[in-house]
């Protein structure tokens, strides 16, 4: 009984949230998801934690369930570029590149869009074979030579994945955003 009362204290919820994020950062996704579930409640959800829970689910391959968490976060914080970026990457991980691009374009249109959002959009655009456009997007944050090198690396990676070796194609994993 004392443990439940202690967990309910607002300061402890902040500690739980920080601990859950640290677990996610270190690859302990199921444990992170479970801890984060205790750091907020259905009657008082925290959109940031919902987004982090979604990233944990994505990392566990539970993309459809993750998108439900992003949708809940977006109901609380409509148009948040970090949540939209995570949603886009969720679609990318399940190989639905048009939906990934749609969500990332929404994130990209926000004046609060970070370099990470732009890099994620460039990745999805590049995965669709539109390398010149991807390079234009990454040039917003990188010197032209680095942008060209990143796109060249993506092309090379995609070409290796398409080589007839019998190995399954893999989609590169991009950066999932965790709100501050």
N, C-alpha and C. Protein backbone atom coordinates (compact mmCIF):
# COMPACT_ATOMS: atom_id res chain seq x y z
N UNK A 1 0.82 -1.18 0.00
CA UNK A 1 0.00 0.00 0.00
C UNK A 1 0.86 1.25 0.00
N UNK A 2 1.92 1.27 0.79
CA UNK A 2 2.80 2.42 0.83
C UNK A 2 3.45 2.64 -0.54
N UNK A 3 3.84 1.56 -1.21
CA UNK A 3 4.48 1.68 -2.52
C UNK A 3 3.54 2.35 -3.52
N UNK A 4 2.26 1.99 -3.54
CA UNK A 4 1.32 2.61 -4.46
C UNK A 4 1.16 4.09 -4.16
N UNK A 5 1.08 4.46 -2.91
CA UNK A 5 0.94 5.87 -2.54
C UNK A 5 2.20 6.64 -2.93
N UNK A 6 3.34 6.03 -2.79
CA UNK A 6 4.60 6.68 -3.14
C UNK A 6 4.68 6.91 -4.64
N UNK A 7 4.30 5.92 -5.44
CA UNK A 7 4.34 6.06 -6.90
C UNK A 7 3.39 7.15 -7.36
N UNK A 8 2.28 7.34 -6.68
CA UNK A 8 1.29 8.34 -7.10
C UNK A 8 1.76 9.77 -6.87
N UNK A 9 2.76 9.99 -6.05
CA UNK A 9 3.26 11.34 -5.79
C UNK A 9 3.81 11.94 -7.08
N UNK A 10 3.42 13.19 -7.43
CA UNK A 10 3.84 13.80 -8.69
C UNK A 10 5.36 13.80 -8.91
N UNK A 11 6.13 14.03 -7.88
CA UNK A 11 7.59 14.02 -8.02
C UNK A 11 8.11 12.65 -8.43
N UNK A 12 7.48 11.61 -7.90
CA UNK A 12 7.89 10.26 -8.26
C UNK A 12 7.51 9.92 -9.70
N UNK A 13 6.43 10.50 -10.17
CA UNK A 13 6.05 10.27 -11.57
C UNK A 13 7.10 10.88 -12.50
N UNK A 14 7.66 12.01 -12.09
CA UNK A 14 8.73 12.62 -12.88
C UNK A 14 9.95 11.70 -12.90
N UNK A 15 10.28 11.14 -11.75
CA UNK A 15 11.41 10.20 -11.68
C UNK A 15 11.14 8.96 -12.53
N UNK A 16 9.91 8.46 -12.47
CA UNK A 16 9.55 7.30 -13.29
C UNK A 16 9.68 7.64 -14.77
N UNK A 17 9.24 8.82 -15.16
CA UNK A 17 9.33 9.24 -16.56
C UNK A 17 10.80 9.30 -16.99
N UNK A 18 11.64 9.88 -16.16
CA UNK A 18 13.07 9.96 -16.49
C UNK A 18 13.69 8.56 -16.56
N UNK A 19 13.33 7.72 -15.64
CA UNK A 19 13.85 6.35 -15.63
C UNK A 19 13.37 5.60 -16.87
N UNK A 20 12.10 5.76 -17.22
CA UNK A 20 11.56 5.09 -18.42
C UNK A 20 12.28 5.54 -19.68
N UNK A 21 12.54 6.84 -19.79
CA UNK A 21 13.27 7.36 -20.95
C UNK A 21 14.68 6.80 -21.01
N UNK A 22 15.33 6.72 -19.85
CA UNK A 22 16.69 6.18 -19.79
C UNK A 22 16.69 4.71 -20.22
N UNK A 23 15.70 3.97 -19.78
CA UNK A 23 15.59 2.56 -20.18
C UNK A 23 15.43 2.45 -21.70
N UNK A 24 14.59 3.30 -22.28
CA UNK A 24 14.40 3.29 -23.73
C UNK A 24 15.69 3.65 -24.45
N UNK A 25 16.40 4.65 -23.94
CA UNK A 25 17.67 5.06 -24.55
C UNK A 25 18.70 3.94 -24.53
N UNK A 26 18.60 3.07 -23.55
CA UNK A 26 19.56 1.97 -23.41
C UNK A 26 19.07 0.65 -24.00
N UNK A 27 17.94 0.70 -24.73
CA UNK A 27 17.48 -0.48 -25.44
C UNK A 27 16.62 -1.43 -24.64
N UNK A 28 16.21 -1.06 -23.44
CA UNK A 28 15.34 -1.91 -22.62
C UNK A 28 13.89 -1.49 -22.89
N UNK A 29 13.40 -1.83 -24.07
CA UNK A 29 12.14 -1.26 -24.54
C UNK A 29 10.91 -1.75 -23.79
N UNK A 30 10.81 -3.03 -23.50
CA UNK A 30 9.64 -3.52 -22.78
C UNK A 30 9.60 -2.94 -21.37
N UNK A 31 10.73 -2.94 -20.71
CA UNK A 31 10.79 -2.38 -19.36
C UNK A 31 10.49 -0.89 -19.40
N UNK A 32 11.01 -0.18 -20.40
CA UNK A 32 10.73 1.25 -20.54
C UNK A 32 9.23 1.49 -20.71
N UNK A 33 8.61 0.70 -21.59
CA UNK A 33 7.18 0.84 -21.83
C UNK A 33 6.40 0.64 -20.53
N UNK A 34 6.76 -0.39 -19.77
CA UNK A 34 6.06 -0.68 -18.52
C UNK A 34 6.23 0.44 -17.49
N UNK A 35 7.45 0.93 -17.36
CA UNK A 35 7.71 2.02 -16.40
C UNK A 35 6.97 3.28 -16.82
N UNK A 36 7.02 3.60 -18.11
CA UNK A 36 6.35 4.81 -18.59
C UNK A 36 4.84 4.72 -18.39
N UNK A 37 4.29 3.52 -18.45
CA UNK A 37 2.85 3.35 -18.23
C UNK A 37 2.46 3.77 -16.81
N UNK A 38 3.40 3.66 -15.88
CA UNK A 38 3.13 4.04 -14.49
C UNK A 38 3.43 5.51 -14.24
N UNK A 39 4.10 6.17 -15.19
CA UNK A 39 4.51 7.56 -14.99
C UNK A 39 3.41 8.55 -15.34
N UNK A 40 2.34 8.06 -15.94
CA UNK A 40 1.17 8.90 -16.22
C UNK A 40 -0.05 8.00 -16.23
N UNK A 41 -1.22 8.59 -16.28
CA UNK A 41 -2.44 7.79 -16.19
C UNK A 41 -3.39 8.13 -17.33
N UNK A 42 -4.32 7.22 -17.63
CA UNK A 42 -5.28 7.48 -18.72
C UNK A 42 -6.10 8.75 -18.49
N UNK A 43 -6.38 9.10 -17.22
CA UNK A 43 -7.16 10.31 -16.96
C UNK A 43 -6.29 11.57 -17.00
N UNK A 44 -4.97 11.42 -16.99
CA UNK A 44 -4.05 12.55 -17.08
C UNK A 44 -2.81 12.15 -17.89
N UNK A 45 -3.01 11.86 -19.19
CA UNK A 45 -1.88 11.38 -19.99
C UNK A 45 -0.89 12.51 -20.31
N UNK A 46 0.35 12.13 -20.47
CA UNK A 46 1.42 13.05 -20.85
C UNK A 46 1.78 12.73 -22.30
N UNK A 47 1.59 13.68 -23.20
CA UNK A 47 1.82 13.44 -24.62
C UNK A 47 3.27 13.05 -24.89
N UNK A 48 4.21 13.58 -24.12
CA UNK A 48 5.62 13.25 -24.32
C UNK A 48 5.87 11.77 -24.02
N UNK A 49 5.28 11.30 -22.93
CA UNK A 49 5.46 9.91 -22.54
C UNK A 49 4.74 8.97 -23.50
N UNK A 50 3.58 9.39 -23.99
CA UNK A 50 2.88 8.59 -25.00
C UNK A 50 3.77 8.40 -26.23
N UNK A 51 4.46 9.46 -26.63
CA UNK A 51 5.35 9.38 -27.79
C UNK A 51 6.53 8.43 -27.52
N UNK A 52 7.11 8.53 -26.33
CA UNK A 52 8.23 7.64 -25.99
C UNK A 52 7.74 6.19 -25.91
N UNK A 53 6.54 5.99 -25.37
CA UNK A 53 5.98 4.64 -25.35
C UNK A 53 5.81 4.11 -26.78
N UNK A 54 5.38 4.99 -27.68
CA UNK A 54 5.26 4.59 -29.08
C UNK A 54 6.60 4.18 -29.66
N UNK A 55 7.66 4.92 -29.34
CA UNK A 55 8.98 4.56 -29.87
C UNK A 55 9.44 3.22 -29.32
N UNK A 56 9.13 2.96 -28.05
CA UNK A 56 9.49 1.67 -27.46
C UNK A 56 8.76 0.53 -28.20
N UNK A 57 7.47 0.74 -28.46
CA UNK A 57 6.70 -0.28 -29.19
C UNK A 57 7.24 -0.47 -30.60
N UNK A 58 7.61 0.63 -31.27
CA UNK A 58 8.19 0.50 -32.61
C UNK A 58 9.47 -0.33 -32.57
N UNK A 59 10.30 -0.08 -31.58
CA UNK A 59 11.56 -0.82 -31.47
C UNK A 59 11.32 -2.31 -31.21
N UNK A 60 10.15 -2.64 -30.64
CA UNK A 60 9.80 -4.04 -30.41
C UNK A 60 9.05 -4.64 -31.59
N UNK A 61 8.89 -3.85 -32.67
CA UNK A 61 8.21 -4.34 -33.86
C UNK A 61 6.70 -4.27 -33.79
N UNK A 62 6.16 -3.57 -32.83
CA UNK A 62 4.71 -3.48 -32.64
C UNK A 62 4.22 -2.14 -33.20
N UNK A 63 4.38 -1.98 -34.52
CA UNK A 63 4.17 -0.70 -35.18
C UNK A 63 2.72 -0.21 -35.13
N UNK A 64 1.77 -1.08 -35.35
CA UNK A 64 0.37 -0.65 -35.34
C UNK A 64 -0.01 -0.13 -33.95
N UNK A 65 0.42 -0.82 -32.93
CA UNK A 65 0.13 -0.40 -31.55
C UNK A 65 0.85 0.93 -31.26
N UNK A 66 2.07 1.07 -31.75
CA UNK A 66 2.83 2.32 -31.55
C UNK A 66 2.09 3.50 -32.15
N UNK A 67 1.53 3.31 -33.33
CA UNK A 67 0.83 4.41 -34.00
C UNK A 67 -0.39 4.87 -33.20
N UNK A 68 -0.99 3.98 -32.43
CA UNK A 68 -2.08 4.38 -31.54
C UNK A 68 -1.60 5.33 -30.45
N UNK A 69 -0.40 5.09 -29.96
CA UNK A 69 0.18 5.99 -28.95
C UNK A 69 0.51 7.35 -29.56
N UNK A 70 1.04 7.35 -30.78
CA UNK A 70 1.33 8.63 -31.44
C UNK A 70 0.02 9.40 -31.69
N UNK A 71 -1.02 8.68 -32.09
CA UNK A 71 -2.32 9.34 -32.32
C UNK A 71 -2.83 9.97 -31.03
N UNK A 72 -2.68 9.27 -29.92
CA UNK A 72 -3.12 9.82 -28.63
C UNK A 72 -2.29 11.05 -28.26
N UNK A 73 -1.00 11.00 -28.52
CA UNK A 73 -0.13 12.15 -28.23
C UNK A 73 -0.53 13.35 -29.09
N UNK A 74 -0.85 13.08 -30.36
CA UNK A 74 -1.22 14.17 -31.27
C UNK A 74 -2.59 14.78 -30.93
N UNK A 75 -3.44 14.02 -30.26
CA UNK A 75 -4.72 14.59 -29.80
C UNK A 75 -4.46 15.63 -28.72
N UNK A 76 -3.44 15.40 -27.91
CA UNK A 76 -3.10 16.33 -26.83
C UNK A 76 -2.25 17.48 -27.36
N UNK A 77 -1.32 17.18 -28.25
CA UNK A 77 -0.39 18.18 -28.78
C UNK A 77 -0.43 18.10 -30.32
N UNK A 78 -1.51 18.62 -30.92
CA UNK A 78 -1.66 18.53 -32.38
C UNK A 78 -0.48 19.16 -33.12
N UNK A 79 -0.02 18.45 -34.13
CA UNK A 79 1.03 18.98 -35.00
C UNK A 79 2.42 18.97 -34.43
N UNK A 80 2.64 18.35 -33.29
CA UNK A 80 4.00 18.34 -32.74
C UNK A 80 4.95 17.63 -33.70
N UNK A 81 6.01 18.31 -34.13
CA UNK A 81 6.89 17.72 -35.14
C UNK A 81 7.63 16.48 -34.66
N UNK A 82 7.97 16.39 -33.37
CA UNK A 82 8.64 15.20 -32.87
C UNK A 82 7.74 13.98 -32.92
N UNK A 83 6.49 14.15 -32.52
CA UNK A 83 5.54 13.04 -32.55
C UNK A 83 5.24 12.65 -33.99
N UNK A 84 5.04 13.65 -34.86
CA UNK A 84 4.80 13.35 -36.28
C UNK A 84 5.99 12.64 -36.91
N UNK A 85 7.19 13.02 -36.52
CA UNK A 85 8.40 12.36 -37.03
C UNK A 85 8.42 10.90 -36.58
N UNK A 86 8.11 10.67 -35.31
CA UNK A 86 8.06 9.29 -34.82
C UNK A 86 6.99 8.48 -35.56
N UNK A 87 5.85 9.10 -35.82
CA UNK A 87 4.79 8.43 -36.57
C UNK A 87 5.29 8.07 -37.98
N UNK A 88 5.97 9.02 -38.61
CA UNK A 88 6.51 8.76 -39.94
C UNK A 88 7.50 7.62 -39.93
N UNK A 89 8.36 7.59 -38.94
CA UNK A 89 9.35 6.51 -38.85
C UNK A 89 8.68 5.17 -38.57
N UNK A 90 7.59 5.20 -37.83
CA UNK A 90 6.84 3.97 -37.58
C UNK A 90 6.34 3.39 -38.91
N UNK A 91 5.81 4.26 -39.76
CA UNK A 91 5.37 3.80 -41.08
C UNK A 91 6.56 3.31 -41.90
N UNK A 92 7.69 4.01 -41.80
CA UNK A 92 8.88 3.59 -42.54
C UNK A 92 9.31 2.19 -42.11
N UNK A 93 9.31 1.96 -40.80
CA UNK A 93 9.74 0.66 -40.30
C UNK A 93 8.84 -0.48 -40.77
N UNK A 94 7.58 -0.16 -41.06
CA UNK A 94 6.68 -1.19 -41.58
C UNK A 94 6.58 -1.10 -43.11
N UNK A 95 7.51 -0.35 -43.71
CA UNK A 95 7.69 -0.23 -45.16
C UNK A 95 6.51 0.43 -45.89
N UNK A 96 5.81 1.31 -45.20
CA UNK A 96 4.76 2.09 -45.84
C UNK A 96 5.32 3.49 -46.07
N UNK A 97 6.16 3.61 -47.10
CA UNK A 97 6.90 4.84 -47.34
C UNK A 97 6.01 6.03 -47.71
N UNK A 98 4.94 5.87 -48.48
CA UNK A 98 4.08 7.04 -48.74
C UNK A 98 3.47 7.63 -47.47
N UNK A 99 2.99 6.78 -46.55
CA UNK A 99 2.44 7.30 -45.30
C UNK A 99 3.54 7.89 -44.43
N UNK A 100 4.72 7.29 -44.47
CA UNK A 100 5.86 7.82 -43.72
C UNK A 100 6.18 9.23 -44.21
N UNK A 101 6.23 9.39 -45.52
CA UNK A 101 6.54 10.70 -46.08
C UNK A 101 5.46 11.71 -45.73
N UNK A 102 4.21 11.30 -45.76
CA UNK A 102 3.11 12.23 -45.43
C UNK A 102 3.25 12.77 -44.00
N UNK A 103 3.51 11.88 -43.05
CA UNK A 103 3.66 12.31 -41.66
C UNK A 103 4.91 13.18 -41.49
N UNK A 104 5.99 12.80 -42.15
CA UNK A 104 7.23 13.57 -42.04
C UNK A 104 7.12 14.93 -42.72
N UNK A 105 6.36 15.01 -43.79
CA UNK A 105 6.14 16.32 -44.43
C UNK A 105 5.38 17.26 -43.50
N UNK A 106 4.41 16.70 -42.76
CA UNK A 106 3.68 17.52 -41.79
C UNK A 106 4.64 18.03 -40.71
N UNK A 107 5.51 17.14 -40.24
CA UNK A 107 6.49 17.54 -39.22
C UNK A 107 7.44 18.58 -39.78
N UNK A 108 7.89 18.38 -41.01
CA UNK A 108 8.83 19.27 -41.69
C UNK A 108 8.26 20.67 -41.87
N UNK A 109 6.95 20.76 -42.04
CA UNK A 109 6.29 22.05 -42.27
C UNK A 109 6.20 22.90 -41.00
N UNK A 110 6.42 22.29 -39.86
CA UNK A 110 6.33 23.02 -38.60
C UNK A 110 7.54 23.94 -38.42
N UNK A 111 7.31 25.16 -37.94
CA UNK A 111 8.46 26.03 -37.65
C UNK A 111 9.33 25.47 -36.52
N UNK A 112 8.80 24.51 -35.76
CA UNK A 112 9.56 23.89 -34.66
C UNK A 112 10.29 22.62 -35.10
N UNK A 113 10.27 22.31 -36.40
CA UNK A 113 10.92 21.09 -36.89
C UNK A 113 12.42 21.16 -36.63
N UNK A 114 12.96 20.07 -36.12
CA UNK A 114 14.39 20.00 -35.81
C UNK A 114 15.16 19.42 -36.99
N UNK A 115 16.47 19.45 -36.85
CA UNK A 115 17.33 18.83 -37.86
C UNK A 115 17.02 17.35 -37.98
N UNK A 116 16.69 16.71 -36.86
CA UNK A 116 16.37 15.28 -36.89
C UNK A 116 15.14 15.01 -37.77
N UNK A 117 14.14 15.88 -37.67
CA UNK A 117 12.94 15.73 -38.51
C UNK A 117 13.33 15.82 -39.98
N UNK A 118 14.15 16.80 -40.32
CA UNK A 118 14.58 16.97 -41.72
C UNK A 118 15.40 15.77 -42.19
N UNK A 119 16.27 15.26 -41.34
CA UNK A 119 17.09 14.10 -41.71
C UNK A 119 16.19 12.87 -41.93
N UNK A 120 15.18 12.71 -41.09
CA UNK A 120 14.27 11.58 -41.24
C UNK A 120 13.47 11.69 -42.54
N UNK A 121 13.02 12.90 -42.87
CA UNK A 121 12.31 13.10 -44.13
C UNK A 121 13.24 12.78 -45.30
N UNK A 122 14.46 13.26 -45.24
CA UNK A 122 15.42 12.99 -46.32
C UNK A 122 15.64 11.49 -46.48
N UNK A 123 15.71 10.76 -45.38
CA UNK A 123 15.89 9.32 -45.44
C UNK A 123 14.72 8.66 -46.17
N UNK A 124 13.50 9.02 -45.79
CA UNK A 124 12.31 8.41 -46.40
C UNK A 124 12.22 8.78 -47.89
N UNK A 125 12.53 10.03 -48.22
CA UNK A 125 12.51 10.45 -49.62
C UNK A 125 13.59 9.67 -50.40
N UNK A 126 14.76 9.52 -49.80
CA UNK A 126 15.83 8.76 -50.44
C UNK A 126 15.48 7.29 -50.61
N UNK A 127 14.82 6.72 -49.62
CA UNK A 127 14.41 5.31 -49.73
C UNK A 127 13.45 5.08 -50.89
N UNK A 128 12.79 6.15 -51.30
CA UNK A 128 11.88 6.06 -52.45
C UNK A 128 12.60 6.36 -53.76
N UNK A 129 13.93 6.53 -53.70
CA UNK A 129 14.72 6.73 -54.90
C UNK A 129 14.83 8.17 -55.37
N UNK A 130 14.33 9.11 -54.60
CA UNK A 130 14.39 10.53 -54.99
C UNK A 130 15.60 11.17 -54.31
N UNK A 131 16.79 10.81 -54.82
CA UNK A 131 18.03 11.18 -54.16
C UNK A 131 18.35 12.67 -54.25
N UNK A 132 18.05 13.30 -55.37
CA UNK A 132 18.32 14.74 -55.51
C UNK A 132 17.49 15.53 -54.50
N UNK A 133 16.23 15.14 -54.34
CA UNK A 133 15.37 15.82 -53.36
C UNK A 133 15.87 15.56 -51.94
N UNK A 134 16.29 14.34 -51.65
CA UNK A 134 16.82 14.01 -50.34
C UNK A 134 18.06 14.85 -50.03
N UNK A 135 18.91 15.03 -51.03
CA UNK A 135 20.11 15.83 -50.83
C UNK A 135 19.76 17.30 -50.56
N UNK A 136 18.77 17.81 -51.25
CA UNK A 136 18.32 19.19 -51.01
C UNK A 136 17.85 19.35 -49.58
N UNK A 137 17.13 18.38 -49.07
CA UNK A 137 16.61 18.44 -47.70
C UNK A 137 17.76 18.42 -46.69
N UNK A 138 18.72 17.53 -46.86
CA UNK A 138 19.80 17.43 -45.87
C UNK A 138 20.75 18.62 -45.94
N UNK A 139 20.78 19.33 -47.06
CA UNK A 139 21.66 20.50 -47.18
C UNK A 139 21.24 21.62 -46.23
N UNK A 140 20.01 21.56 -45.73
CA UNK A 140 19.55 22.59 -44.78
C UNK A 140 20.34 22.52 -43.47
N UNK A 141 20.90 21.35 -43.16
CA UNK A 141 21.58 21.16 -41.88
C UNK A 141 23.05 20.76 -42.01
N UNK A 142 23.46 20.39 -43.21
CA UNK A 142 24.83 19.90 -43.39
C UNK A 142 25.52 20.67 -44.50
N UNK A 143 26.84 20.74 -44.44
CA UNK A 143 27.56 21.32 -45.57
C UNK A 143 27.30 20.47 -46.82
N UNK A 144 27.35 21.09 -48.00
CA UNK A 144 27.02 20.37 -49.24
C UNK A 144 27.79 19.06 -49.44
N UNK A 145 29.07 19.03 -49.07
CA UNK A 145 29.84 17.80 -49.27
C UNK A 145 29.36 16.68 -48.34
N UNK A 146 28.99 17.02 -47.09
CA UNK A 146 28.46 16.01 -46.17
C UNK A 146 27.08 15.53 -46.62
N UNK A 147 26.25 16.45 -47.10
CA UNK A 147 24.93 16.07 -47.59
C UNK A 147 25.06 15.10 -48.76
N UNK A 148 25.95 15.42 -49.70
CA UNK A 148 26.17 14.53 -50.85
C UNK A 148 26.70 13.18 -50.40
N UNK A 149 27.60 13.18 -49.42
CA UNK A 149 28.16 11.92 -48.92
C UNK A 149 27.08 11.07 -48.25
N UNK A 150 26.19 11.71 -47.49
CA UNK A 150 25.11 10.96 -46.84
C UNK A 150 24.18 10.32 -47.86
N UNK A 151 23.83 11.07 -48.89
CA UNK A 151 22.94 10.54 -49.92
C UNK A 151 23.65 9.44 -50.71
N UNK A 152 24.93 9.61 -50.98
CA UNK A 152 25.69 8.57 -51.69
C UNK A 152 25.73 7.29 -50.85
N UNK A 153 25.89 7.43 -49.55
CA UNK A 153 25.89 6.27 -48.67
C UNK A 153 24.54 5.57 -48.72
N UNK A 154 23.45 6.34 -48.69
CA UNK A 154 22.11 5.76 -48.77
C UNK A 154 21.93 5.01 -50.09
N UNK A 155 22.35 5.63 -51.20
CA UNK A 155 22.26 4.97 -52.51
C UNK A 155 23.02 3.65 -52.49
N UNK A 156 24.24 3.68 -51.97
CA UNK A 156 25.07 2.48 -51.92
C UNK A 156 24.41 1.40 -51.08
N UNK A 157 23.85 1.80 -49.95
CA UNK A 157 23.18 0.84 -49.08
C UNK A 157 21.98 0.22 -49.78
N UNK A 158 21.21 1.03 -50.46
CA UNK A 158 20.04 0.52 -51.18
C UNK A 158 20.47 -0.39 -52.33
N UNK A 159 21.53 -0.02 -53.03
CA UNK A 159 22.03 -0.87 -54.11
C UNK A 159 22.50 -2.21 -53.59
N UNK A 160 23.17 -2.22 -52.45
CA UNK A 160 23.61 -3.49 -51.85
C UNK A 160 22.42 -4.34 -51.44
N UNK A 161 21.37 -3.70 -50.93
CA UNK A 161 20.18 -4.45 -50.52
C UNK A 161 19.43 -5.03 -51.71
N UNK A 162 19.57 -4.40 -52.89
CA UNK A 162 18.88 -4.89 -54.07
C UNK A 162 19.70 -5.90 -54.85
N UNK A 163 20.96 -6.10 -54.46
CA UNK A 163 21.82 -7.06 -55.15
C UNK A 163 21.27 -8.47 -54.95
N UNK A 164 21.33 -9.30 -56.00
CA UNK A 164 20.78 -10.65 -55.90
C UNK A 164 21.68 -11.57 -55.09
N UNK A 165 21.56 -11.51 -53.79
CA UNK A 165 22.36 -12.37 -52.93
C UNK A 165 21.49 -13.31 -52.11
N UNK A 166 20.20 -13.17 -52.23
CA UNK A 166 19.31 -14.03 -51.47
C UNK A 166 19.06 -13.54 -50.05
N UNK A 167 19.77 -12.50 -49.66
CA UNK A 167 19.56 -11.96 -48.31
C UNK A 167 18.32 -11.06 -48.30
N UNK A 168 17.59 -11.04 -47.21
CA UNK A 168 16.41 -10.18 -47.16
C UNK A 168 16.81 -8.71 -47.18
N UNK A 169 15.94 -7.89 -47.78
CA UNK A 169 16.17 -6.45 -47.79
C UNK A 169 15.92 -5.91 -46.40
N UNK A 170 16.71 -4.92 -46.03
CA UNK A 170 16.55 -4.29 -44.72
C UNK A 170 16.32 -2.81 -44.91
N UNK A 171 15.47 -2.26 -44.08
CA UNK A 171 15.26 -0.82 -44.08
C UNK A 171 16.15 -0.24 -42.99
N UNK A 172 16.95 0.78 -43.31
CA UNK A 172 17.79 1.37 -42.27
C UNK A 172 16.94 2.00 -41.19
N UNK A 173 17.42 1.92 -39.98
CA UNK A 173 16.70 2.50 -38.84
C UNK A 173 17.16 3.94 -38.67
N UNK A 174 16.21 4.84 -38.59
CA UNK A 174 16.52 6.26 -38.42
C UNK A 174 16.35 6.64 -36.96
N UNK A 175 16.54 7.88 -36.68
CA UNK A 175 16.48 8.38 -35.31
C UNK A 175 15.04 8.63 -34.88
N UNK A 176 14.65 7.97 -33.82
CA UNK A 176 13.35 8.26 -33.24
C UNK A 176 13.50 9.44 -32.30
N UNK A 177 12.54 10.33 -32.33
CA UNK A 177 12.61 11.53 -31.51
C UNK A 177 12.00 11.31 -30.16
N UNK A 178 12.66 11.79 -29.13
CA UNK A 178 12.09 11.79 -27.81
C UNK A 178 11.95 13.22 -27.36
N UNK A 179 10.71 13.64 -27.09
CA UNK A 179 10.49 15.03 -26.67
C UNK A 179 11.23 15.30 -25.36
N UNK A 180 11.64 16.56 -25.20
CA UNK A 180 12.34 16.97 -23.98
C UNK A 180 11.38 17.05 -22.82
